[in-house]
Amino acid sequence: MSVKRRLGGDPEIILAERRYEVISEILRAALVKGAKKWTMTDMLDKVFLHKVLGIPVFIVLMWATFQFTFVVSAPFMSIIEVVIGWIGGLFEAIPNEVLRSFFVDGIFGGLGFVMVFVAPIFFMFFALSILEDSGYLARAAFVMDRLMFKLGLHGRSFIPMLLGFGCNLPAIMATRSIEGEKDRLITILVNPLMSCSARLPVYVLVAGAFWGSTMYAGTAIWGMYLLGIVLAILMALLFRRTILKGEPAPFIMELPLYKVPTFHGSVIHMWERGVVFLKKAGTYLLAGAIILWFLSSFPWGAEQSYTYMLGHVLEPVFRPLGFDWRLSASLIFAFMAKEIVVEALGVIYAMAGETAIGAALAASITPVSGLAFMAFVLIYVPCLATIGVIKQETGSWKWVGVTVLYELILAYIVGLMIVGVGSAMGFS
């Protein structure tokens, strides 16, 4: 008879319970208690850690976070767009046509267009910093543990998954805290499904193009983050039942006391995380803008460029999802960094003489295809840096190949489902 059957449960969980029972007995014998006083932490935990209310509260708080991100950042985005447009206009006077196009269409049409989305990225990090500094995010991991354990994902996996909202690189590296090798590997494989800040500019662009600054835009963005969590859990269940069979290890964590976040502390945390995007702008995104401009300008102008040719080669593959050649081409360049989807669209539309990118995008695809495009960007292949860290943490190109393959297939299936359901419901 196995130890698990003899004890009637998981030995590690039973051992942990027995330890706490011994601790309680010692405390009862040695500690003299006065009248129990309810603290603010006790009262809040009655709601946030409730078996029924815990997960709905988490979902609502995430929805509020992205509503705040989209609505509050909107005026700042407009200001940045005007400033960048004004600076770009100064280069219109350059007499050399190629050099003028390089600055106006390439640098300011591509890199400058991405910089408009600095505002929502920083505000998202500010909101998440408040939730983290208050002590709530630790509760979110605790609440999700029960559901995740039943689905075969380690409860401690939720902390790297939350870190994935910022960047998948440190999130995947944070899986080192997970003891079980299979638990850790599953968490690494599903972490790229968590919507990092690099995808946020794509969501804001597409949602803003169709729904403006309304509640629907914020809800669409929130839906992408929720979709990532759901898909990560489902894929973890699939991996647990197939290639990485086994039982997840139990999860025990100490919950901090609640505290009121300070504005100063939240701003510092926001800056520490947001500055990563600014560093990208000076490296990956600048290089991407130059490459995109070249490919969209040569060999024979915008209508016969390398980007135009590549987009039309790929368009039949993505036609069932409703993507035109511009969107199809932009997806290829995002292999370097997901923000380059926005940068690519900025350069492509700028080369065509379009200045109102959002309006041009809304005229080229339907809202349903817009949602499918957001979901596709969420799911399909990780960026180059994330692929590198997956290889580093797993020590094998095999798991890199598994990640890229399953995400490509999953992205296409989810995109088709969104278009199919949307069409069946009469949306177009």
Protein backbone atom coordinates (compact mmCIF):
# COMPACT_ATOMS: atom_id res chain seq x y z
CA MET A 1 0.00 0.00 0.00
CA SER A 2 1.36 3.44 -0.95
CA VAL A 3 2.07 6.12 1.67
CA LYS A 4 -0.56 8.36 0.06
CA ARG A 5 -3.30 5.73 0.40
CA ARG A 6 -2.26 4.80 3.93
CA LEU A 7 -2.38 8.42 5.11
CA GLY A 8 -5.50 9.22 3.12
CA GLY A 9 -4.04 12.20 1.29
CA ASP A 10 -0.92 13.92 0.01
CA PRO A 11 1.93 13.26 2.53
CA GLU A 12 3.35 16.79 2.15
CA ILE A 13 -0.01 18.44 2.84
CA ILE A 14 -0.69 16.16 5.82
CA LEU A 15 2.80 16.85 7.19
CA ALA A 16 2.23 20.60 6.91
CA GLU A 17 -1.14 20.27 8.67
CA ARG A 18 0.42 18.26 11.50
CA ARG A 19 3.11 20.90 11.95
CA TYR A 20 0.51 23.62 12.34
CA GLU A 21 -1.43 21.42 14.78
CA VAL A 22 1.70 21.05 16.94
CA ILE A 23 2.33 24.79 16.74
CA SER A 24 -1.27 25.46 17.81
CA GLU A 25 -0.96 23.07 20.78
CA ILE A 26 2.23 24.79 21.95
CA LEU A 27 0.61 28.21 21.62
CA ARG A 28 -2.48 27.10 23.58
CA ALA A 29 -0.24 25.86 26.40
CA ALA A 30 2.12 28.83 26.50
CA LEU A 31 0.13 31.84 25.31
CA VAL A 32 -2.45 33.70 27.39
CA LYS A 33 -4.90 35.40 25.05
CA GLY A 34 -6.94 38.45 25.77
CA ALA A 35 -10.14 39.36 24.01
CA LYS A 36 -9.76 38.83 20.26
CA LYS A 37 -9.68 42.07 18.35
CA TRP A 38 -10.64 42.22 14.72
CA THR A 39 -8.00 43.97 12.67
CA MET A 40 -8.45 45.58 9.26
CA THR A 41 -6.51 42.65 7.75
CA ASP A 42 -9.00 40.18 9.28
CA MET A 43 -11.99 42.07 7.89
CA LEU A 44 -10.55 42.49 4.40
CA ASP A 45 -9.46 38.85 4.23
CA LYS A 46 -13.04 37.77 4.97
CA VAL A 47 -13.84 39.14 1.50
CA PHE A 48 -10.61 38.79 -0.50
CA LEU A 49 -9.91 35.21 0.67
CA HIS A 50 -13.54 34.02 0.58
CA LYS A 51 -13.99 30.66 -1.15
CA VAL A 52 -16.79 32.01 -3.36
CA LEU A 53 -16.08 35.74 -3.60
CA GLY A 54 -12.26 35.57 -3.86
CA ILE A 55 -11.95 34.89 -7.60
CA PRO A 56 -14.81 37.26 -8.70
CA VAL A 57 -13.21 40.03 -6.62
CA PHE A 58 -9.87 39.39 -8.33
CA ILE A 59 -11.49 39.56 -11.79
CA VAL A 60 -13.30 42.81 -10.94
CA LEU A 61 -10.11 44.40 -9.59
CA MET A 62 -8.24 43.46 -12.76
CA TRP A 63 -11.06 44.98 -14.84
CA ALA A 64 -10.86 48.19 -12.80
CA THR A 65 -7.08 48.24 -13.26
CA PHE A 66 -7.30 48.22 -17.05
CA GLN A 67 -10.23 50.63 -17.14
CA PHE A 68 -8.06 53.01 -15.10
CA THR A 69 -5.10 52.38 -17.41
CA PHE A 70 -7.01 53.15 -20.61
CA VAL A 71 -9.19 56.05 -19.48
CA VAL A 72 -6.59 57.98 -17.46
CA SER A 73 -3.84 57.56 -20.07
CA ALA A 74 -6.00 58.73 -23.02
CA PRO A 75 -5.35 62.51 -22.65
CA PHE A 76 -1.63 61.91 -22.11
CA MET A 77 -1.51 59.82 -25.28
CA SER A 78 -3.12 62.67 -27.21
CA ILE A 79 -0.56 65.15 -25.87
CA ILE A 80 2.39 62.88 -26.74
CA GLU A 81 0.94 62.28 -30.21
CA VAL A 82 0.62 66.01 -30.87
CA VAL A 83 4.18 66.69 -29.65
CA ILE A 84 5.70 63.89 -31.74
CA GLY A 85 3.67 64.98 -34.77
CA TRP A 86 4.93 68.54 -34.36
CA ILE A 87 8.56 67.44 -34.06
CA GLY A 88 8.16 65.12 -37.05
CA GLY A 89 6.70 68.00 -39.05
CA LEU A 90 9.94 69.93 -38.64
CA PHE A 91 11.67 67.33 -40.80
CA GLU A 92 9.22 67.84 -43.67
CA ALA A 93 11.47 70.65 -44.90
CA ILE A 94 14.37 68.28 -45.68
CA PRO A 95 14.89 68.57 -49.46
CA ASN A 96 16.20 65.03 -49.99
CA GLU A 97 13.15 62.78 -50.46
CA VAL A 98 14.76 59.58 -49.09
CA LEU A 99 16.22 61.31 -46.04
CA ARG A 100 12.92 63.09 -45.38
CA SER A 101 11.02 59.80 -45.58
CA PHE A 102 13.54 58.18 -43.21
CA PHE A 103 12.84 60.70 -40.45
CA VAL A 104 9.15 61.44 -41.08
CA ASP A 105 7.88 57.95 -41.99
CA GLY A 106 10.52 55.74 -40.37
CA ILE A 107 11.64 57.37 -37.11
CA PHE A 108 8.58 59.47 -36.24
CA GLY A 109 6.02 57.34 -38.08
CA GLY A 110 7.34 54.14 -36.51
CA LEU A 111 9.30 54.70 -33.30
CA GLY A 112 7.47 57.96 -32.57
CA PHE A 113 4.10 56.23 -32.95
CA VAL A 114 5.10 53.55 -30.43
CA MET A 115 6.19 56.24 -27.94
CA VAL A 116 2.55 57.42 -27.79
CA PHE A 117 1.85 54.26 -25.78
CA VAL A 118 4.32 55.11 -23.01
CA ALA A 119 1.40 56.59 -21.04
CA PRO A 120 -0.81 53.45 -20.74
CA ILE A 121 2.24 51.29 -19.98
CA PHE A 122 3.32 53.53 -17.10
CA PHE A 123 -0.22 53.86 -15.72
CA MET A 124 -0.71 50.08 -15.82
CA PHE A 125 2.46 49.61 -13.79
CA PHE A 126 1.28 52.30 -11.37
CA ALA A 127 -2.02 50.48 -10.79
CA LEU A 128 -0.32 47.11 -10.36
CA SER A 129 2.18 48.67 -7.93
CA ILE A 130 -0.70 49.86 -5.75
CA LEU A 131 -2.20 46.35 -5.68
CA GLU A 132 1.18 44.83 -4.89
CA ASP A 133 2.20 47.35 -2.22
CA SER A 134 -1.17 47.04 -0.49
CA GLY A 135 -0.62 43.30 0.03
CA TYR A 136 -3.45 42.24 -2.29
CA LEU A 137 -1.45 40.46 -5.01
CA ALA A 138 -0.20 37.90 -2.47
CA ARG A 139 -3.87 37.20 -1.68
CA ALA A 140 -4.61 36.81 -5.40
CA ALA A 141 -2.00 34.04 -5.62
CA PHE A 142 -3.46 32.39 -2.50
CA VAL A 143 -7.04 32.55 -3.84
CA MET A 144 -6.03 31.17 -7.24
CA ASP A 145 -4.09 28.29 -5.67
CA ARG A 146 -7.23 26.20 -4.99
CA LEU A 147 -8.40 26.42 -8.61
CA MET A 148 -4.94 26.02 -10.09
CA PHE A 149 -4.12 22.98 -7.94
CA LYS A 150 -7.26 21.21 -9.19
CA LEU A 151 -6.25 21.98 -12.78
CA GLY A 152 -2.73 20.67 -12.29
CA LEU A 153 -0.82 23.96 -11.95
CA HIS A 154 1.29 24.72 -8.88
CA GLY A 155 -0.10 27.54 -6.72
CA ARG A 156 3.31 29.24 -6.62
CA SER A 157 3.11 29.44 -10.43
CA PHE A 158 0.64 32.29 -10.15
CA ILE A 159 3.34 34.67 -8.86
CA PRO A 160 5.49 34.32 -12.03
CA MET A 161 2.28 34.57 -14.03
CA LEU A 162 1.46 37.90 -12.38
CA LEU A 163 5.02 39.06 -13.06
CA GLY A 164 4.31 38.21 -16.69
CA PHE A 165 1.99 41.22 -16.83
CA GLY A 166 5.17 43.28 -16.79
CA CYS A 167 7.62 41.16 -18.80
CA ASN A 168 7.86 37.45 -19.50
CA LEU A 169 11.66 37.40 -19.07
CA PRO A 170 11.87 38.01 -15.29
CA ALA A 171 8.62 36.07 -14.87
CA ILE A 172 10.15 32.94 -16.40
CA MET A 173 13.32 33.40 -14.35
CA ALA A 174 11.13 33.68 -11.22
CA THR A 175 10.02 30.07 -11.75
CA ARG A 176 13.28 29.06 -10.04
CA SER A 177 11.36 29.36 -6.75
CA ILE A 178 9.16 26.39 -7.78
CA GLU A 179 10.59 23.18 -6.34
CA GLY A 180 9.08 20.46 -8.54
CA GLU A 181 10.82 20.15 -11.94
CA LYS A 182 7.58 19.35 -13.80
CA ASP A 183 5.72 22.16 -12.01
CA ARG A 184 8.46 24.58 -12.98
CA LEU A 185 8.56 23.39 -16.60
CA ILE A 186 4.80 23.71 -17.02
CA THR A 187 4.93 27.24 -15.61
CA ILE A 188 7.69 28.18 -18.07
CA LEU A 189 5.74 26.77 -21.03
CA VAL A 190 2.53 28.67 -20.23
CA ASN A 191 4.08 31.93 -18.99
CA PRO A 192 4.37 33.49 -22.49
CA LEU A 193 0.55 33.45 -22.60
CA MET A 194 0.52 36.09 -19.88
CA SER A 195 0.03 39.46 -21.50
CA CYS A 196 3.25 41.44 -21.01
CA SER A 197 3.43 45.23 -21.28
CA ALA A 198 4.81 44.93 -24.83
CA ARG A 199 1.39 43.76 -26.04
CA LEU A 200 -0.45 46.66 -24.38
CA PRO A 201 0.28 49.18 -27.19
CA VAL A 202 -1.33 46.78 -29.69
CA TYR A 203 -4.44 46.42 -27.51
CA VAL A 204 -4.73 50.17 -26.96
CA LEU A 205 -4.31 50.89 -30.68
CA VAL A 206 -6.93 48.37 -31.83
CA ALA A 207 -9.41 48.97 -28.99
CA GLY A 208 -9.08 52.75 -29.39
CA ALA A 209 -9.58 52.48 -33.16
CA PHE A 210 -12.97 50.78 -32.76
CA TRP A 211 -14.30 51.93 -29.39
CA GLY A 212 -12.49 55.22 -28.69
CA SER A 213 -12.17 56.17 -25.02
CA THR A 214 -15.31 54.30 -23.96
CA MET A 215 -15.72 51.59 -21.33
CA TYR A 216 -15.86 49.02 -24.15
CA ALA A 217 -12.24 49.71 -25.09
CA GLY A 218 -11.05 49.17 -21.52
CA THR A 219 -13.14 46.02 -21.26
CA ALA A 220 -11.67 44.66 -24.51
CA ILE A 221 -8.15 45.19 -23.13
CA TRP A 222 -9.10 43.55 -19.82
CA GLY A 223 -10.54 40.66 -21.81
CA MET A 224 -7.16 39.99 -23.41
CA TYR A 225 -5.44 39.77 -20.01
CA LEU A 226 -8.19 37.48 -18.71
CA LEU A 227 -7.97 35.37 -21.87
CA GLY A 228 -4.24 34.92 -21.28
CA ILE A 229 -4.82 33.67 -17.73
CA VAL A 230 -7.56 31.25 -18.82
CA LEU A 231 -5.48 29.87 -21.71
CA ALA A 232 -2.44 29.47 -19.43
CA ILE A 233 -4.47 27.43 -16.96
CA LEU A 234 -6.04 25.29 -19.70
CA MET A 235 -2.69 24.62 -21.37
CA ALA A 236 -1.18 23.74 -17.98
CA LEU A 237 -3.98 21.20 -17.51
CA LEU A 238 -3.28 19.77 -20.98
CA PHE A 239 0.46 19.48 -20.31
CA ARG A 240 -0.21 17.90 -16.90
CA ARG A 241 -2.47 15.28 -18.48
CA THR A 242 -0.14 14.50 -21.41
CA ILE A 243 3.60 15.17 -21.67
CA LEU A 244 4.27 16.23 -18.05
CA LYS A 245 2.13 13.89 -15.97
CA GLY A 246 2.26 14.08 -12.21
CA GLU A 247 0.75 15.74 -9.15
CA PRO A 248 1.54 19.39 -8.38
CA ALA A 249 3.32 20.06 -5.11
CA PRO A 250 1.33 21.79 -2.33
CA PHE A 251 1.62 25.55 -1.92
CA ILE A 252 2.14 27.22 1.47
CA MET A 253 2.79 30.93 1.76
CA GLU A 254 2.78 33.63 4.42
CA LEU A 255 0.39 36.51 3.74
CA PRO A 256 1.62 40.01 4.57
CA LEU A 257 -0.49 42.51 6.49
CA TYR A 258 -2.43 45.04 4.46
CA LYS A 259 -0.98 48.51 4.31
CA VAL A 260 -1.82 51.75 2.57
CA PRO A 261 0.47 52.19 -0.46
CA THR A 262 2.37 55.46 -0.62
CA PHE A 263 2.21 57.56 -3.76
CA HIS A 264 5.99 57.95 -3.69
CA GLY A 265 6.58 54.20 -3.42
CA SER A 266 4.11 53.34 -6.20
CA VAL A 267 5.65 55.93 -8.52
CA ILE A 268 9.13 54.48 -7.89
CA HIS A 269 7.92 50.96 -8.67
CA MET A 270 6.14 52.27 -11.78
CA TRP A 271 9.31 53.96 -13.00
CA GLU A 272 11.55 50.94 -12.31
CA ARG A 273 9.32 48.75 -14.47
CA GLY A 274 8.33 51.31 -17.09
CA VAL A 275 11.89 52.41 -17.80
CA VAL A 276 12.48 48.99 -19.37
CA PHE A 277 10.17 50.10 -22.20
CA LEU A 278 12.14 53.32 -22.67
CA LYS A 279 15.37 51.34 -22.88
CA LYS A 280 13.77 49.15 -25.53
CA ALA A 281 12.84 52.28 -27.47
CA GLY A 282 16.51 53.24 -27.67
CA THR A 283 17.62 49.77 -28.80
CA TYR A 284 15.22 47.16 -30.22
CA LEU A 285 12.54 49.60 -31.33
CA LEU A 286 14.94 52.08 -32.91
CA ALA A 287 16.60 49.27 -34.85
CA GLY A 288 13.17 47.92 -35.77
CA ALA A 289 12.03 51.32 -37.06
CA ILE A 290 15.08 51.60 -39.33
CA ILE A 291 14.66 48.06 -40.68
CA LEU A 292 10.92 48.54 -41.19
CA TRP A 293 11.43 51.81 -43.04
CA PHE A 294 13.98 50.21 -45.37
CA LEU A 295 11.76 47.19 -46.08
CA SER A 296 8.73 49.44 -46.65
CA SER A 297 10.59 51.84 -48.98
CA PHE A 298 12.67 49.60 -51.22
CA PRO A 299 13.22 48.31 -53.82
CA TRP A 300 10.58 50.25 -55.80
CA GLY A 301 8.60 52.39 -53.39
CA ALA A 302 5.82 51.67 -50.89
CA GLU A 303 3.51 49.85 -53.31
CA GLN A 304 6.26 47.50 -54.48
CA SER A 305 8.35 47.22 -51.32
CA TYR A 306 9.64 44.14 -49.56
CA THR A 307 7.00 44.63 -46.84
CA TYR A 308 4.26 44.85 -49.48
CA MET A 309 5.47 41.62 -51.11
CA LEU A 310 5.80 39.79 -47.80
CA GLY A 311 2.37 40.95 -46.66
CA HIS A 312 0.69 39.73 -49.84
CA VAL A 313 2.44 36.35 -49.61
CA LEU A 314 1.09 35.88 -46.08
CA GLU A 315 -2.35 37.43 -46.61
CA PRO A 316 -4.03 34.19 -47.85
CA VAL A 317 -2.95 32.44 -44.63
CA PHE A 318 -4.58 35.11 -42.46
CA ARG A 319 -7.55 35.89 -44.70
CA PRO A 320 -9.88 33.54 -42.69
CA LEU A 321 -9.16 35.76 -39.66
CA GLY A 322 -9.96 38.92 -41.62
CA PHE A 323 -6.40 40.31 -41.57
CA ASP A 324 -5.25 42.30 -44.60
CA TRP A 325 -1.67 42.36 -45.91
CA ARG A 326 -0.66 45.18 -43.55
CA LEU A 327 -1.63 43.27 -40.40
CA SER A 328 -0.15 40.05 -41.81
CA ALA A 329 3.22 41.72 -42.41
CA SER A 330 3.26 43.43 -39.00
CA LEU A 331 2.95 40.06 -37.23
CA ILE A 332 6.21 38.82 -38.76
CA PHE A 333 8.27 41.75 -37.50
CA ALA A 334 7.00 41.34 -33.93
CA PHE A 335 9.34 38.38 -33.51
CA MET A 336 11.92 40.93 -32.28
CA ALA A 337 9.54 42.58 -29.78
CA LYS A 338 5.74 42.68 -29.62
CA GLU A 339 5.65 46.51 -29.68
CA ILE A 340 6.99 46.31 -33.24
CA VAL A 341 3.47 45.31 -34.38
CA VAL A 342 2.42 48.90 -33.65
CA GLU A 343 5.66 50.28 -35.05
CA ALA A 344 5.21 48.27 -38.27
CA LEU A 345 1.65 49.51 -38.73
CA GLY A 346 2.82 53.06 -38.07
CA VAL A 347 5.49 52.84 -40.79
CA ILE A 348 3.25 51.01 -43.28
CA TYR A 349 0.38 53.48 -42.95
CA ALA A 350 2.77 56.46 -42.89
CA MET A 351 4.34 55.31 -46.16
CA ALA A 352 0.82 55.23 -47.63
CA GLY A 353 0.23 58.83 -46.50
CA GLU A 354 -2.08 57.92 -43.61
CA THR A 355 -1.65 60.08 -40.52
CA ALA A 356 -4.72 58.94 -38.54
CA ILE A 357 -3.52 55.35 -37.98
CA GLY A 358 -6.47 54.34 -35.79
CA ALA A 359 -9.05 55.49 -38.36
CA ALA A 360 -7.14 53.78 -41.18
CA LEU A 361 -7.00 50.55 -39.18
CA ALA A 362 -10.73 50.66 -38.42
CA ALA A 363 -11.44 51.12 -42.13
CA SER A 364 -9.38 48.08 -43.13
CA ILE A 365 -10.77 45.39 -40.77
CA THR A 366 -13.95 44.67 -38.81
CA PRO A 367 -14.24 44.97 -35.01
CA VAL A 368 -14.44 41.17 -34.75
CA SER A 369 -11.22 40.79 -36.74
CA GLY A 370 -9.75 43.49 -34.52
CA LEU A 371 -10.45 41.34 -31.46
CA ALA A 372 -9.01 38.31 -33.27
CA PHE A 373 -5.88 40.34 -34.05
CA MET A 374 -5.49 41.34 -30.39
CA ALA A 375 -5.86 37.69 -29.34
CA PHE A 376 -3.39 36.54 -32.00
CA VAL A 377 -0.77 39.04 -30.78
CA LEU A 378 -1.42 37.84 -27.22
CA ILE A 379 -0.87 34.16 -28.02
CA TYR A 380 1.48 33.63 -30.95
CA VAL A 381 5.26 33.15 -30.77
CA PRO A 382 7.18 34.71 -27.86
CA CYS A 383 9.61 37.52 -28.64
CA LEU A 384 13.27 36.75 -29.33
CA ALA A 385 14.41 37.59 -25.78
CA THR A 386 11.74 35.34 -24.23
CA ILE A 387 12.77 32.46 -26.47
CA GLY A 388 16.33 32.95 -25.27
CA VAL A 389 15.37 32.81 -21.60
CA ILE A 390 13.19 29.69 -22.16
CA LYS A 391 16.26 27.98 -23.65
CA GLN A 392 18.37 29.20 -20.72
CA GLU A 393 15.94 28.01 -18.02
CA THR A 394 15.01 24.65 -19.58
CA GLY A 395 18.44 23.89 -21.03
CA SER A 396 16.87 22.46 -24.18
CA TRP A 397 15.78 23.73 -27.61
CA LYS A 398 13.09 21.03 -27.52
CA TRP A 399 10.97 23.03 -25.08
CA VAL A 400 11.52 26.19 -27.11
CA GLY A 401 10.16 24.33 -30.13
CA VAL A 402 7.17 23.04 -28.13
CA THR A 403 6.37 26.58 -26.95
CA VAL A 404 6.57 28.17 -30.41
CA LEU A 405 4.59 25.39 -32.10
CA TYR A 406 1.72 25.17 -29.61
CA GLU A 407 1.37 28.96 -29.41
CA LEU A 408 1.18 29.35 -33.19
CA ILE A 409 -1.50 26.66 -33.44
CA LEU A 410 -3.41 27.99 -30.43
CA ALA A 411 -3.30 31.58 -31.75
CA TYR A 412 -4.82 30.56 -35.07
CA ILE A 413 -7.51 28.40 -33.45
CA VAL A 414 -8.53 31.13 -30.97
CA GLY A 415 -8.56 33.73 -33.77
CA LEU A 416 -10.83 31.52 -35.89
CA MET A 417 -13.13 30.94 -32.91
CA ILE A 418 -13.47 34.69 -32.27
CA VAL A 419 -14.25 35.39 -35.92
CA GLY A 420 -16.63 32.43 -36.15
CA VAL A 421 -18.56 33.25 -32.98
CA GLY A 422 -18.64 36.95 -33.83
CA SER A 423 -19.99 36.26 -37.31
CA ALA A 424 -22.58 33.80 -35.96
CA MET A 425 -23.78 36.48 -33.54
CA GLY A 426 -24.17 38.98 -36.37
CA PHE A 427 -21.19 41.21 -35.55
CA SER A 428 -19.10 42.49 -38.43
